[in-house]
Protein backbone atom coordinates (compact mmCIF):
# COMPACT_ATOMS: atom_id res chain seq x y z
CA MET A 1 0.00 0.00 0.00
CA LYS A 2 1.30 3.45 -0.94
CA ARG A 3 1.67 6.01 1.86
CA ILE A 4 1.08 9.74 1.55
CA LEU A 5 2.35 12.02 4.31
CA ILE A 6 0.61 15.37 4.84
CA VAL A 7 2.58 17.87 6.92
CA ASP A 8 0.90 21.08 8.06
CA ASP A 9 0.73 22.92 11.36
CA ASN A 10 -2.87 23.93 10.64
CA LYS A 11 -5.09 21.07 11.84
CA ASP A 12 -8.01 22.10 9.62
CA VAL A 13 -5.86 22.03 6.49
CA ARG A 14 -4.37 18.66 7.47
CA ASP A 15 -7.80 17.20 8.14
CA VAL A 16 -9.36 18.45 4.89
CA ILE A 17 -6.51 17.20 2.71
CA SER A 18 -6.38 13.91 4.60
CA LEU A 19 -10.12 13.33 4.27
CA PHE A 20 -10.12 14.20 0.58
CA LEU A 21 -7.18 11.92 -0.25
CA SER A 22 -8.53 9.09 1.88
CA CYS A 23 -11.84 9.21 0.00
CA GLU A 24 -10.33 9.61 -3.47
CA LEU A 25 -7.36 7.27 -3.11
CA ARG A 26 -8.73 4.38 -1.09
CA GLU A 27 -5.74 2.22 -2.01
CA CYS A 28 -3.39 4.66 -0.22
CA ALA A 29 -2.72 5.16 3.47
CA VAL A 30 -2.76 8.82 4.48
CA LEU A 31 -0.46 9.81 7.34
CA THR A 32 -0.24 13.25 8.97
CA ALA A 33 2.23 15.30 10.97
CA ASP A 34 1.86 18.78 12.43
CA ASN A 35 5.47 19.85 11.88
CA GLY A 36 8.58 18.81 10.02
CA MET A 37 10.20 17.08 13.01
CA LYS A 38 7.21 14.80 13.46
CA ALA A 39 7.25 14.15 9.71
CA ILE A 40 10.90 13.08 9.91
CA GLU A 41 10.07 10.77 12.83
CA THR A 42 7.26 9.25 10.76
CA MET A 43 9.52 8.76 7.74
CA GLU A 44 12.17 7.10 9.91
CA SER A 45 9.65 4.58 11.25
CA GLN A 46 7.85 3.67 8.01
CA PRO A 47 8.24 4.14 4.27
CA VAL A 48 6.51 7.10 2.63
CA ASP A 49 5.82 7.41 -1.11
CA LEU A 50 4.71 11.06 -1.36
CA ILE A 51 5.04 14.07 0.95
CA LEU A 52 2.76 17.12 0.84
CA THR A 53 4.17 19.80 3.11
CA ASP A 54 3.36 23.30 4.21
CA LEU A 55 6.41 25.53 3.83
CA ASN A 56 5.85 27.80 6.84
CA MET A 57 5.72 25.76 10.06
CA PRO A 58 7.34 25.86 13.48
CA VAL A 59 10.04 23.46 14.70
CA VAL A 60 11.21 22.20 11.28
CA ASN A 61 9.75 24.14 8.35
CA GLY A 62 8.87 22.79 4.93
CA TYR A 63 12.09 23.98 3.30
CA GLN A 64 14.15 22.10 5.90
CA LEU A 65 11.94 19.06 5.47
CA ILE A 66 12.48 19.13 1.70
CA GLU A 67 16.25 19.18 2.28
CA TYR A 68 15.94 16.19 4.60
CA VAL A 69 13.90 14.26 2.01
CA LYS A 70 16.36 15.11 -0.78
CA ARG A 71 19.24 13.70 1.31
CA ASN A 72 17.49 10.67 2.82
CA LEU A 73 14.63 9.69 0.49
CA PRO A 74 15.68 11.03 -2.91
CA SER A 75 13.07 9.01 -4.80
CA ALA A 76 10.13 10.37 -2.77
CA PRO A 77 8.38 13.30 -4.47
CA VAL A 78 7.59 16.34 -2.35
CA LEU A 79 4.89 18.92 -2.99
CA GLY A 80 5.34 22.22 -1.14
CA MET A 81 2.33 24.38 -0.38
CA THR A 82 1.65 27.59 1.49
CA ALA A 83 -1.08 30.11 2.12
CA VAL A 84 1.45 32.91 2.62
CA CYS A 85 1.87 35.29 -0.29
CA THR A 86 5.18 37.13 -0.35
CA PRO A 87 7.34 38.52 -3.17
CA ASP A 88 9.93 35.80 -2.37
C-alpha cells in the first residue's frame, strides 16, 4: 500500500486534505504530521511514497523538510504548499 504524508501545522488544512485523499485514493494510506520534526520521525519509522508539506511551520519548516527528504529519500516526491503570499 502506498503512503502519503501530509505535513501542516494547521489542523483544519491537514484534516481536509487527509479526508479528501482518503476518499479519493482508497488504495493509499494517508499519514499526517503537524510539523517537520514529526514528519521526519514518521519517515524514519515507516516508508513514505509522497510528501505534501506546508512551507511555513514551526520546529522544522517545509524547506528544511524538503532538504531532509532530498538527502534521505531522494526518490520520494515532495509537494510544497503555502497560504502565505510574499514577493519571495
